[in-house]
Each structure stands twice: as C-alpha cells, then as structure tokens.
C-alpha cells in the first residue's frame, strides 16, 4: 500500500515545480513529525459497510479518506457522518480528484490555483 501510494505521488511531485510535499499533507508510515502523522495512529474503528477499509488520508475540514479491500476510495465526514464512494481506486483518487480535472470541486479553487501555478493541472 505505501509503495503504491509513493509511486502515484512521485508522478506529481516533479523536481523544479513550485508544488512540493509541504503543499500536500499526507499521512505517513514513518516517525511522527509535526503535521505528518503515522498512518497506523489515524485508523478509525467502525462498521461502514465496506470490508477492510483503512484510512489513507484526511483534510483539515474533517474529512477522512479510506480505501476498502476492493480498492475503492471513500470519504467520511467526521462532523456529519456522511460516507460515500468518491473514487474507484487510489489512482483515480489522486489523478482525478487531488491533481486532475476535479481538483477544484474536490479541494477548492485555492488548491487548483496552486496546481496551475506549479504547471500541474491543465484543466
């Protein structure tokens, strides 16, 4: 899982772009340091109706992103409790929602502006 995530992310963080790891807070598997915490410490107990779901990310507005055993990615609103499928797999999550054509809808216009400034989103 960690290796797959690193492979996906390496496609987006290219040397010489304005966008770097500080622009995208990720849950890591290494030692806990400031805003990047251990993935194992961020897991959520609960029956969401999908088997084997693990937390793969979160955002400051209270959403947690989980990947189920069938590879689908879900969004959990920790404030309201809404739980919905948002991507077919991690590739779809990163390539379409985080860095792709749906980035503004997913993360807002400020995020899209950062991506464009870095030359990373042409949509």
N, C-alpha and C. Protein backbone atom coordinates (compact mmCIF):
# COMPACT_ATOMS: atom_id res chain seq x y z
N UNK A 1 0.83 -1.19 0.00
CA UNK A 1 0.00 0.00 0.00
C UNK A 1 0.87 1.26 0.00
N UNK A 2 1.83 1.35 0.89
CA UNK A 2 2.69 2.53 0.99
C UNK A 2 3.50 2.69 -0.29
N UNK A 3 4.03 1.60 -0.80
CA UNK A 3 4.81 1.66 -2.04
C UNK A 3 3.93 2.15 -3.18
N UNK A 4 2.71 1.66 -3.28
CA UNK A 4 1.80 2.08 -4.35
C UNK A 4 1.50 3.57 -4.23
N UNK A 5 1.25 4.05 -3.03
CA UNK A 5 0.97 5.47 -2.83
C UNK A 5 2.19 6.30 -3.24
N UNK A 6 3.37 5.86 -2.88
CA UNK A 6 4.59 6.58 -3.25
C UNK A 6 4.77 6.62 -4.76
N UNK A 7 4.44 5.53 -5.45
CA UNK A 7 4.54 5.51 -6.91
C UNK A 7 3.59 6.51 -7.53
N UNK A 8 2.38 6.57 -7.03
CA UNK A 8 1.40 7.51 -7.54
C UNK A 8 1.86 8.94 -7.30
N UNK A 9 2.26 9.24 -6.08
CA UNK A 9 2.66 10.60 -5.73
C UNK A 9 3.91 11.05 -6.48
N UNK A 10 4.83 10.13 -6.78
CA UNK A 10 6.06 10.51 -7.45
C UNK A 10 5.79 11.06 -8.85
N UNK A 11 4.65 10.70 -9.43
CA UNK A 11 4.30 11.22 -10.76
C UNK A 11 3.94 12.70 -10.71
N UNK A 12 3.50 13.17 -9.54
CA UNK A 12 3.02 14.54 -9.44
C UNK A 12 4.05 15.52 -8.89
N UNK A 13 4.96 15.04 -8.08
CA UNK A 13 5.96 15.91 -7.48
C UNK A 13 7.24 15.80 -8.28
N UNK A 14 7.38 16.67 -9.25
CA UNK A 14 8.50 16.65 -10.18
C UNK A 14 9.48 17.73 -9.76
N UNK A 15 10.76 17.41 -9.82
CA UNK A 15 11.79 18.38 -9.46
C UNK A 15 11.61 19.64 -10.29
N UNK A 16 11.72 20.79 -9.63
CA UNK A 16 11.64 22.06 -10.33
C UNK A 16 10.25 22.68 -10.38
N UNK A 17 9.23 22.00 -9.83
CA UNK A 17 7.90 22.61 -9.81
C UNK A 17 7.75 23.39 -8.52
N UNK A 18 6.80 24.30 -8.51
CA UNK A 18 6.55 25.11 -7.32
C UNK A 18 5.81 24.33 -6.24
N UNK A 19 5.21 23.22 -6.62
CA UNK A 19 4.45 22.42 -5.67
C UNK A 19 5.36 21.38 -5.05
N UNK A 20 5.37 21.30 -3.74
CA UNK A 20 6.22 20.32 -3.07
C UNK A 20 5.42 19.59 -2.00
N UNK A 21 6.09 18.74 -1.25
CA UNK A 21 5.40 17.94 -0.23
C UNK A 21 4.72 18.79 0.83
N UNK A 22 5.22 20.01 1.08
CA UNK A 22 4.60 20.86 2.08
C UNK A 22 3.21 21.33 1.64
N UNK A 23 2.96 21.32 0.35
CA UNK A 23 1.66 21.75 -0.17
C UNK A 23 0.58 20.69 -0.01
N UNK A 24 0.96 19.46 0.21
CA UNK A 24 0.01 18.36 0.29
C UNK A 24 0.34 17.52 1.52
N UNK A 25 -0.42 17.70 2.59
CA UNK A 25 -0.16 16.97 3.82
C UNK A 25 -0.64 15.54 3.64
N UNK A 26 0.25 14.60 3.81
CA UNK A 26 -0.07 13.18 3.65
C UNK A 26 0.13 12.46 4.98
N UNK A 27 -0.63 11.41 5.19
CA UNK A 27 -0.37 10.55 6.33
C UNK A 27 0.77 9.63 5.97
N UNK A 28 1.76 9.53 6.83
CA UNK A 28 2.92 8.72 6.53
C UNK A 28 3.00 7.48 7.39
N UNK A 29 3.99 6.68 7.12
CA UNK A 29 4.19 5.45 7.89
C UNK A 29 5.47 5.52 8.71
N UNK A 30 6.22 6.58 8.59
CA UNK A 30 7.47 6.71 9.32
C UNK A 30 7.26 7.33 10.69
N UNK A 31 8.33 7.91 11.21
CA UNK A 31 8.25 8.56 12.50
C UNK A 31 7.33 9.77 12.43
N UNK A 32 6.61 9.99 13.52
CA UNK A 32 5.69 11.11 13.55
C UNK A 32 6.47 12.41 13.64
N UNK A 33 6.15 13.35 12.77
CA UNK A 33 6.82 14.65 12.76
C UNK A 33 5.81 15.73 12.41
N UNK A 34 5.64 16.69 13.27
CA UNK A 34 4.73 17.82 13.09
C UNK A 34 3.40 17.40 12.48
N UNK A 35 3.07 17.91 11.28
CA UNK A 35 1.75 17.67 10.73
C UNK A 35 1.58 16.31 10.05
N UNK A 36 2.66 15.60 9.80
CA UNK A 36 2.57 14.29 9.16
C UNK A 36 2.62 13.22 10.23
N UNK A 37 1.48 12.56 10.44
CA UNK A 37 1.41 11.56 11.50
C UNK A 37 1.51 10.15 10.96
N UNK A 38 1.63 9.21 11.87
CA UNK A 38 1.71 7.80 11.48
C UNK A 38 0.35 7.32 11.01
N UNK A 39 0.32 6.64 9.88
CA UNK A 39 -0.91 6.11 9.33
C UNK A 39 -1.59 5.17 10.31
N UNK A 40 -0.82 4.38 11.01
CA UNK A 40 -1.39 3.42 11.96
C UNK A 40 -2.15 4.11 13.09
N UNK A 41 -1.75 5.33 13.44
CA UNK A 41 -2.41 6.07 14.52
C UNK A 41 -3.69 6.75 14.05
N UNK A 42 -3.92 6.79 12.77
CA UNK A 42 -5.06 7.51 12.21
C UNK A 42 -6.23 6.59 11.82
N UNK A 43 -6.15 5.32 12.13
CA UNK A 43 -7.20 4.38 11.74
C UNK A 43 -8.46 4.62 12.56
N UNK A 44 -9.60 4.30 11.97
CA UNK A 44 -10.90 4.53 12.59
C UNK A 44 -11.61 3.21 12.79
N UNK A 45 -12.16 3.01 13.97
CA UNK A 45 -12.99 1.83 14.22
C UNK A 45 -14.42 2.16 13.82
N UNK A 46 -15.07 1.24 13.16
CA UNK A 46 -16.46 1.45 12.80
C UNK A 46 -16.87 0.53 11.68
N UNK A 47 -18.15 0.28 11.59
CA UNK A 47 -18.68 -0.54 10.52
C UNK A 47 -19.29 0.39 9.48
N UNK A 48 -18.59 0.54 8.37
CA UNK A 48 -19.03 1.43 7.31
C UNK A 48 -19.68 0.67 6.16
N UNK A 49 -19.81 -0.62 6.31
CA UNK A 49 -20.42 -1.42 5.27
C UNK A 49 -19.50 -1.80 4.13
N UNK A 50 -18.21 -1.53 4.30
CA UNK A 50 -17.21 -1.93 3.31
C UNK A 50 -16.12 -2.70 4.04
N UNK A 51 -15.70 -3.79 3.46
CA UNK A 51 -14.73 -4.65 4.12
C UNK A 51 -13.30 -4.14 4.06
N UNK A 52 -12.60 -4.26 5.16
CA UNK A 52 -11.17 -3.99 5.22
C UNK A 52 -10.75 -2.57 4.93
N UNK A 53 -11.58 -1.58 5.25
CA UNK A 53 -11.25 -0.18 4.96
C UNK A 53 -10.15 0.33 5.89
N UNK A 54 -9.16 1.01 5.28
CA UNK A 54 -8.11 1.65 6.06
C UNK A 54 -8.03 3.12 5.66
N UNK A 55 -7.67 3.96 6.61
CA UNK A 55 -7.53 5.39 6.36
C UNK A 55 -6.27 5.61 5.52
N UNK A 56 -6.43 6.36 4.41
CA UNK A 56 -5.29 6.68 3.55
C UNK A 56 -5.03 8.18 3.50
N UNK A 57 -5.90 8.98 4.12
CA UNK A 57 -5.68 10.42 4.12
C UNK A 57 -6.78 11.14 4.87
N UNK A 58 -6.56 12.44 5.07
CA UNK A 58 -7.54 13.28 5.74
C UNK A 58 -7.31 14.72 5.30
N UNK A 59 -8.25 15.59 5.63
CA UNK A 59 -8.04 17.00 5.35
C UNK A 59 -8.47 17.83 6.55
N UNK A 60 -8.05 19.09 6.60
CA UNK A 60 -8.32 19.94 7.77
C UNK A 60 -9.80 20.21 8.02
N UNK A 61 -10.65 20.03 7.01
CA UNK A 61 -12.07 20.32 7.21
C UNK A 61 -12.84 19.16 7.84
N UNK A 62 -12.16 18.08 8.18
CA UNK A 62 -12.80 16.99 8.91
C UNK A 62 -13.17 15.78 8.08
N UNK A 63 -12.72 15.71 6.85
CA UNK A 63 -12.97 14.53 6.03
C UNK A 63 -11.82 13.55 6.16
N UNK A 64 -12.17 12.28 6.20
CA UNK A 64 -11.20 11.20 6.24
C UNK A 64 -11.43 10.36 5.00
N UNK A 65 -10.34 9.93 4.38
CA UNK A 65 -10.44 9.14 3.15
C UNK A 65 -9.95 7.73 3.43
N UNK A 66 -10.78 6.76 3.08
CA UNK A 66 -10.50 5.36 3.35
C UNK A 66 -10.48 4.58 2.05
N UNK A 67 -9.61 3.57 2.01
CA UNK A 67 -9.61 2.64 0.89
C UNK A 67 -10.07 1.29 1.40
N UNK A 68 -11.07 0.73 0.72
CA UNK A 68 -11.61 -0.57 1.10
C UNK A 68 -10.80 -1.69 0.46
N UNK A 69 -11.06 -2.90 0.88
CA UNK A 69 -10.35 -4.07 0.35
C UNK A 69 -10.55 -4.23 -1.15
N UNK A 70 -11.67 -3.72 -1.69
CA UNK A 70 -11.93 -3.82 -3.13
C UNK A 70 -11.27 -2.67 -3.92
N UNK A 71 -10.43 -1.89 -3.27
CA UNK A 71 -9.66 -0.78 -3.85
C UNK A 71 -10.43 0.54 -3.94
N UNK A 72 -11.72 0.55 -3.76
CA UNK A 72 -12.49 1.79 -3.86
C UNK A 72 -12.12 2.73 -2.72
N UNK A 73 -12.19 4.05 -3.00
CA UNK A 73 -11.86 5.06 -2.01
C UNK A 73 -13.15 5.75 -1.59
N UNK A 74 -13.30 5.93 -0.28
CA UNK A 74 -14.50 6.51 0.31
C UNK A 74 -14.13 7.76 1.11
N UNK A 75 -15.11 8.64 1.22
CA UNK A 75 -14.98 9.85 2.02
C UNK A 75 -15.89 9.72 3.23
N UNK A 76 -15.35 10.01 4.41
CA UNK A 76 -16.13 10.02 5.65
C UNK A 76 -16.08 11.42 6.23
N UNK A 77 -17.25 12.04 6.38
CA UNK A 77 -17.34 13.35 7.00
C UNK A 77 -17.44 13.12 8.51
N UNK A 78 -16.37 13.44 9.22
CA UNK A 78 -16.34 13.15 10.65
C UNK A 78 -17.25 14.07 11.45
N UNK A 79 -17.69 15.17 10.85
CA UNK A 79 -18.64 16.05 11.53
C UNK A 79 -20.08 15.60 11.32
N UNK A 80 -20.43 15.29 10.08
CA UNK A 80 -21.81 14.94 9.77
C UNK A 80 -22.07 13.46 9.64
N UNK A 81 -21.02 12.66 9.47
CA UNK A 81 -21.18 11.22 9.38
C UNK A 81 -21.44 10.68 7.99
N UNK A 82 -21.55 11.57 6.98
CA UNK A 82 -21.77 11.09 5.62
C UNK A 82 -20.60 10.22 5.17
N UNK A 83 -20.93 9.14 4.48
CA UNK A 83 -19.94 8.18 3.99
C UNK A 83 -20.30 7.84 2.56
N UNK A 84 -19.40 8.13 1.61
CA UNK A 84 -19.71 7.86 0.21
C UNK A 84 -18.46 7.49 -0.57
N UNK A 85 -18.67 6.69 -1.61
CA UNK A 85 -17.58 6.34 -2.51
C UNK A 85 -17.27 7.55 -3.36
N UNK A 86 -15.96 7.89 -3.47
CA UNK A 86 -15.58 9.04 -4.28
C UNK A 86 -14.62 8.69 -5.42
N UNK A 87 -14.01 7.50 -5.37
CA UNK A 87 -13.07 7.10 -6.42
C UNK A 87 -13.05 5.58 -6.54
N UNK A 88 -12.69 5.12 -7.73
CA UNK A 88 -12.62 3.68 -7.98
C UNK A 88 -11.41 3.04 -7.32
N UNK A 89 -10.31 3.80 -7.16
CA UNK A 89 -9.07 3.29 -6.57
C UNK A 89 -8.16 4.48 -6.25
N UNK A 90 -6.97 4.23 -5.74
CA UNK A 90 -6.05 5.32 -5.40
C UNK A 90 -5.60 6.10 -6.62
N UNK A 91 -5.39 5.42 -7.75
CA UNK A 91 -5.02 6.13 -8.97
C UNK A 91 -6.10 7.16 -9.32
N UNK A 92 -7.34 6.75 -9.31
CA UNK A 92 -8.45 7.64 -9.62
C UNK A 92 -8.52 8.79 -8.61
N UNK A 93 -8.33 8.47 -7.34
CA UNK A 93 -8.36 9.48 -6.28
C UNK A 93 -7.33 10.58 -6.54
N UNK A 94 -6.08 10.18 -6.75
CA UNK A 94 -5.03 11.18 -6.95
C UNK A 94 -5.09 11.82 -8.34
N UNK A 95 -5.27 11.03 -9.37
CA UNK A 95 -5.20 11.55 -10.74
C UNK A 95 -6.41 12.40 -11.14
N UNK A 96 -7.57 12.10 -10.59
CA UNK A 96 -8.76 12.86 -10.96
C UNK A 96 -9.13 13.90 -9.90
N UNK A 97 -9.18 13.48 -8.63
CA UNK A 97 -9.66 14.38 -7.58
C UNK A 97 -8.59 15.31 -7.02
N UNK A 98 -7.46 14.77 -6.63
CA UNK A 98 -6.45 15.60 -5.96
C UNK A 98 -5.69 16.47 -6.95
N UNK A 99 -5.25 15.90 -8.08
CA UNK A 99 -4.40 16.64 -9.02
C UNK A 99 -5.01 16.83 -10.40
N UNK A 100 -6.19 16.29 -10.65
CA UNK A 100 -6.73 16.27 -12.00
C UNK A 100 -7.89 17.20 -12.26
N UNK A 101 -8.75 16.81 -13.19
CA UNK A 101 -9.82 17.69 -13.65
C UNK A 101 -10.86 18.05 -12.59
N UNK A 102 -10.98 17.25 -11.55
CA UNK A 102 -11.96 17.54 -10.49
C UNK A 102 -11.32 18.14 -9.24
N UNK A 103 -10.10 18.64 -9.36
CA UNK A 103 -9.37 19.17 -8.19
C UNK A 103 -10.09 20.35 -7.54
N UNK A 104 -10.64 21.26 -8.32
CA UNK A 104 -11.32 22.42 -7.74
C UNK A 104 -12.58 21.99 -6.99
N UNK A 105 -13.34 21.07 -7.57
CA UNK A 105 -14.54 20.58 -6.90
C UNK A 105 -14.18 19.85 -5.61
N UNK A 106 -13.11 19.09 -5.66
CA UNK A 106 -12.71 18.27 -4.51
C UNK A 106 -12.04 19.10 -3.41
N UNK A 107 -11.08 19.96 -3.78
CA UNK A 107 -10.26 20.64 -2.77
C UNK A 107 -10.35 22.16 -2.81
N UNK A 108 -11.10 22.71 -3.74
CA UNK A 108 -11.31 24.15 -3.77
C UNK A 108 -10.46 24.88 -4.79
N UNK A 109 -10.88 26.11 -5.07
CA UNK A 109 -10.21 26.93 -6.08
C UNK A 109 -8.79 27.31 -5.70
N UNK A 110 -8.51 27.50 -4.41
CA UNK A 110 -7.14 27.84 -4.00
C UNK A 110 -6.18 26.70 -4.33
N UNK A 111 -6.63 25.47 -4.11
CA UNK A 111 -5.81 24.30 -4.44
C UNK A 111 -5.56 24.23 -5.94
N UNK A 112 -6.61 24.45 -6.73
CA UNK A 112 -6.46 24.42 -8.18
C UNK A 112 -5.48 25.51 -8.63
N UNK A 113 -5.55 26.68 -8.03
CA UNK A 113 -4.62 27.76 -8.38
C UNK A 113 -3.18 27.36 -8.08
N UNK A 114 -2.97 26.68 -6.95
CA UNK A 114 -1.62 26.19 -6.62
C UNK A 114 -1.12 25.19 -7.66
N UNK A 115 -1.99 24.29 -8.06
CA UNK A 115 -1.62 23.30 -9.06
C UNK A 115 -1.26 23.97 -10.38
N UNK A 116 -2.09 24.91 -10.79
CA UNK A 116 -1.82 25.61 -12.05
C UNK A 116 -0.54 26.42 -12.00
N UNK A 117 -0.29 27.06 -10.87
CA UNK A 117 0.95 27.83 -10.69
C UNK A 117 2.16 26.92 -10.84
N UNK A 118 2.02 25.69 -10.40
CA UNK A 118 3.11 24.72 -10.49
C UNK A 118 3.14 24.01 -11.85
N UNK A 119 2.20 24.34 -12.72
CA UNK A 119 2.14 23.72 -14.03
C UNK A 119 1.66 22.29 -14.00
N UNK A 120 0.83 21.95 -13.02
CA UNK A 120 0.45 20.56 -12.82
C UNK A 120 -0.99 20.24 -13.17
N UNK A 121 -1.80 21.23 -13.52
CA UNK A 121 -3.19 20.94 -13.83
C UNK A 121 -3.62 21.80 -15.00
N UNK A 122 -3.86 21.18 -16.13
CA UNK A 122 -4.23 21.91 -17.32
C UNK A 122 -5.71 21.98 -17.59
N UNK A 123 -6.55 21.52 -16.66
CA UNK A 123 -7.99 21.50 -16.90
C UNK A 123 -8.61 22.84 -16.53
